[in-house]
Amino acid sequence: NVARFSTPSGDASAPVRSGDATSSPVTKKGRFDAKRDELQSSPLVAKMNQEAENHWTISPDSTFMVLWSAVGLAALATDLVLQPLDIAFDIGTHVALAEQADLITTAVFSFDILLQFVVHVPSA
């Protein structure tokens, strides 16, 4: 393992052994990064990462997410109709169904916010 590096005087003819502590250009951080990259590129680590990724995330194309999107769309449509009516005619205090619909849509939207933290975002 002989490499040629230029010295401060510009002389590149002197061979430098990679084991020399004073002349080695590789730092401890560089060795650590190289070892980490080597370990992360192993097939076993890639398989473990894939299993962990699949275990803790939900695919946006799954049946559950398609159905959940339909539920969210229904909640949005309900709010689009009932909120203006509630503001204009104060139906929330007179119609029990409107008050229940408001609570249900709030619960759906709140759960959707939490659900979005575990939906897998495909990488480019």
Foldseek 3Di string as FASTA:
>chain_A
DWDFDADPVRDRPDIDDCVDPVPHPQDPVNVVVVVVVVVCPDPVNVVVVVVVLVVQADECPDPVNVVLVVVLVVLVVLCVPLVVCCVVPVCCVVDVVSVVSVVVSVVSVVVVVVNVVRHDDDDD
